[in-house]
Protein backbone atom coordinates (compact mmCIF):
# COMPACT_ATOMS: atom_id res chain seq x y z
CA UNK A 1 76.10 139.09 -25.04
CA UNK A 2 79.54 138.92 -23.21
CA UNK A 3 82.45 139.62 -25.40
CA UNK A 4 85.45 137.02 -24.46
CA UNK A 5 87.03 135.54 -27.71
CA UNK A 6 89.61 133.43 -25.60
CA UNK A 7 86.78 131.05 -24.88
CA UNK A 8 86.88 129.97 -28.39
CA UNK A 9 90.44 128.44 -27.96
CA UNK A 10 90.07 127.74 -24.36
CA UNK A 11 87.16 125.18 -24.70
CA UNK A 12 88.28 123.32 -27.70
CA UNK A 13 91.99 123.21 -26.20
CA UNK A 14 90.87 121.83 -23.01
CA UNK A 15 88.57 119.27 -24.72
CA UNK A 16 91.39 117.98 -27.02
CA UNK A 17 93.72 117.94 -24.15
CA UNK A 18 91.12 115.95 -21.98
CA UNK A 19 90.67 113.34 -24.78
CA UNK A 20 94.41 112.94 -25.36
CA UNK A 21 95.22 112.71 -21.58
CA UNK A 22 92.41 110.21 -21.02
CA UNK A 23 93.47 107.87 -23.89
CA UNK A 24 97.16 108.05 -22.76
CA UNK A 25 96.12 107.25 -19.14
CA UNK A 26 93.80 104.46 -20.47
CA UNK A 27 96.99 102.75 -21.85
CA UNK A 28 98.94 103.06 -18.67
CA UNK A 29 98.24 101.76 -15.02
CA UNK A 30 97.54 105.36 -13.69
CA UNK A 31 93.85 104.82 -13.56
CA UNK A 32 94.25 102.42 -10.77
CA UNK A 33 94.25 105.55 -8.43
CA UNK A 34 91.12 106.88 -7.54
CA UNK A 35 92.72 110.33 -7.19
CA UNK A 36 93.67 110.42 -10.86
CA UNK A 37 90.09 109.09 -11.79
CA UNK A 38 88.53 111.72 -9.60
CA UNK A 39 90.67 114.57 -10.90
CA UNK A 40 89.83 113.58 -14.53
CA UNK A 41 86.22 113.50 -13.69
CA UNK A 42 86.47 116.78 -12.23
CA UNK A 43 88.21 118.05 -15.42
CA UNK A 44 85.38 116.62 -17.44
CA UNK A 45 82.71 118.39 -15.34
CA UNK A 46 84.49 121.67 -15.57
CA UNK A 47 84.82 121.59 -19.52
CA UNK A 48 81.13 120.56 -19.50
CA UNK A 49 80.33 123.67 -17.55
CA UNK A 50 82.34 125.80 -19.73
CA UNK A 51 80.47 124.38 -22.81
CA UNK A 52 77.05 125.28 -21.21
CA UNK A 53 78.33 128.92 -21.02
CA UNK A 54 79.27 129.01 -24.90
CA UNK A 55 76.06 130.53 -26.11
CA UNK A 56 76.58 133.52 -23.69
CA UNK A 57 79.98 134.56 -25.65
CA UNK A 58 79.94 136.58 -28.79
CA UNK A 59 79.66 134.51 -31.79
CA UNK A 60 77.73 134.19 -35.32
CA UNK A 61 74.18 133.24 -34.67
CA UNK A 62 71.37 132.31 -36.65
CA UNK A 63 67.70 133.06 -36.23
CA UNK A 64 65.27 130.31 -37.18
CA UNK A 65 62.45 129.87 -34.94
CA UNK A 66 61.61 126.38 -36.16
CA UNK A 67 65.05 125.26 -35.60
CA UNK A 68 65.69 127.10 -32.45
CA UNK A 69 62.25 126.45 -30.73
CA UNK A 70 60.70 123.45 -32.83
CA UNK A 71 63.96 121.30 -32.77
CA UNK A 72 66.30 122.88 -30.05
CA UNK A 73 64.05 123.28 -27.29
CA UNK A 74 62.36 119.61 -27.46
CA UNK A 75 65.98 118.19 -27.70
CA UNK A 76 67.08 120.28 -24.91
CA UNK A 77 64.12 119.00 -22.46
CA UNK A 78 64.39 115.46 -23.75
CA UNK A 79 68.14 115.50 -23.06
CA UNK A 80 67.60 117.10 -19.56
CA UNK A 81 64.87 114.30 -18.79
CA UNK A 82 67.52 111.64 -20.31
CA UNK A 83 70.02 112.97 -17.73
CA UNK A 84 67.80 112.68 -14.66
CA UNK A 85 65.80 109.61 -15.29
CA UNK A 86 68.56 107.00 -15.31
CA UNK A 87 69.57 108.38 -11.85
CA UNK A 88 66.24 108.27 -10.73
CA UNK A 89 65.97 104.43 -12.11
CA UNK A 90 69.17 103.32 -10.48
CA UNK A 91 67.92 104.63 -7.08
CA UNK A 92 64.73 102.36 -7.67
CA UNK A 93 67.03 99.51 -8.27
CA UNK A 94 69.06 99.94 -5.20
CA UNK A 95 72.22 101.28 -6.67
CA UNK A 96 73.62 104.57 -7.91
CA UNK A 97 75.46 106.66 -10.44
CA UNK A 98 78.37 107.29 -8.19
CA UNK A 99 80.90 104.76 -9.65
CA UNK A 100 82.59 104.17 -6.16
CA UNK A 101 79.25 103.23 -4.70
CA UNK A 102 77.75 100.97 -7.63
CA UNK A 103 76.78 97.61 -6.06
CA UNK A 104 75.21 95.84 -9.06
CA UNK A 105 74.95 95.73 -12.65
CA UNK A 106 71.53 97.30 -14.15
CA UNK A 107 70.81 96.48 -17.70
CA UNK A 108 67.19 97.24 -17.61
CA UNK A 109 65.17 100.27 -18.28
CA UNK A 110 67.32 102.90 -20.00
CA UNK A 111 70.27 100.81 -19.50
CA UNK A 112 68.69 98.15 -21.86
CA UNK A 113 68.91 100.71 -24.55
CA UNK A 114 72.65 101.98 -24.04
CA UNK A 115 75.26 101.30 -21.45
CA UNK A 116 75.73 105.19 -20.65
CA UNK A 117 72.11 106.76 -21.14
CA UNK A 118 73.22 109.91 -19.12
CA UNK A 119 76.03 110.70 -21.40
CA UNK A 120 73.93 109.99 -24.63
CA UNK A 121 71.11 112.36 -23.07
CA UNK A 122 73.93 115.04 -22.04
CA UNK A 123 74.90 115.20 -25.79
CA UNK A 124 71.39 115.49 -26.87
CA UNK A 125 70.87 118.19 -24.17
CA UNK A 126 73.90 120.29 -25.44
CA UNK A 127 72.92 119.82 -29.05
CA UNK A 128 69.37 121.28 -28.08
CA UNK A 129 70.77 124.04 -26.09
CA UNK A 130 73.09 125.06 -28.87
CA UNK A 131 70.27 125.11 -31.31
CA UNK A 132 67.96 126.80 -28.97
CA UNK A 133 70.40 129.86 -28.88
CA UNK A 134 71.22 129.62 -32.55
CA UNK A 135 75.09 129.45 -31.86
CA UNK A 136 76.86 128.33 -34.67
CA UNK A 137 80.49 128.06 -33.05
CA UNK A 138 79.18 126.31 -30.01
CA UNK A 139 77.74 123.76 -32.55
CA UNK A 140 81.16 123.43 -34.17
CA UNK A 141 82.50 122.48 -30.54
CA UNK A 142 80.07 119.38 -30.47
CA UNK A 143 82.28 116.73 -32.26
CA UNK A 144 85.13 117.65 -29.42
CA UNK A 145 82.11 117.04 -26.80
CA UNK A 146 81.46 113.85 -28.33
CA UNK A 147 84.95 112.86 -27.95
CA UNK A 148 84.98 113.56 -24.13
CA UNK A 149 81.94 111.62 -23.78
CA UNK A 150 83.44 108.81 -25.29
CA UNK A 151 86.58 109.00 -23.37
CA UNK A 152 84.79 109.31 -20.20
CA UNK A 153 82.51 106.26 -20.79
CA UNK A 154 85.49 104.28 -22.11
CA UNK A 155 87.57 105.12 -18.78
CA UNK A 156 84.36 104.21 -16.73
CA UNK A 157 84.08 100.79 -18.48
CA UNK A 158 87.68 99.86 -18.26
CA UNK A 159 88.71 100.74 -14.93
CA UNK A 160 85.62 100.37 -12.94
CA UNK A 161 82.82 98.51 -14.50
CA UNK A 162 84.96 95.77 -16.01
CA UNK A 163 86.70 95.02 -13.01
CA UNK A 164 83.57 95.09 -10.80
CA UNK A 165 81.20 92.98 -12.93
CA UNK A 166 83.63 90.89 -15.09
CA UNK A 167 81.99 88.53 -17.36
CA UNK A 168 78.59 89.69 -16.88
CA UNK A 169 79.62 93.08 -18.00
CA UNK A 170 81.44 91.68 -20.95
CA UNK A 171 77.99 89.92 -21.97
CA UNK A 172 76.23 93.12 -21.33
CA UNK A 173 78.69 95.02 -23.63
CA UNK A 174 77.91 92.58 -26.44
CA UNK A 175 74.24 93.15 -26.27
CA UNK A 176 74.02 96.83 -25.53
CA UNK A 177 75.55 99.69 -27.44
CA UNK A 178 78.13 102.16 -25.22
CA UNK A 179 76.40 105.35 -26.27
CA UNK A 180 74.07 104.67 -29.27
CA UNK A 181 71.58 101.75 -29.37
CA UNK A 182 72.50 98.70 -31.33
CA UNK A 183 69.85 97.23 -33.78
CA UNK A 184 68.19 94.16 -32.29
CA UNK A 185 68.84 90.97 -34.04
CA UNK A 186 66.22 88.10 -34.23
CA UNK A 187 66.64 85.89 -31.24
CA UNK A 188 68.05 88.80 -29.09
């Protein structure tokens, strides 16, 4: 293990800053600028990368093969597949995950369950990653990661998808949950 205790305040501080900046910018008109959106997306990717590195830093760990390999490893694999499959699905439907290149609203396949299946799968993947490593402190960072994922999804919806697809996106939002599936009601 690499000993670098500063990581334990850098990642949470960066995560909290990202969430606050995202919500403050959401309330302003700054997100009209592609440069601001790209900068925020890059910051989110950097925080995600740092988060993946957390198990390599010194921390309290647990050793439980059932949790680590019986639960953590399957969640990691499911999350990884869940991150990749929606990209493949969108390409088959003739569009992309690059928000500047989205040319149609896809509400079938994994997008019939949640509006942001890649973000949901990313969270599942991180949970599995931290469990597989038996990383206690890293697991404690997960609520902040959930906040980052929510902030990123909200920004994408408000400033890109709602503007691109208007009423059809609003109807889609009523039918399908953002990050978690909505219970189906009779007649849906």
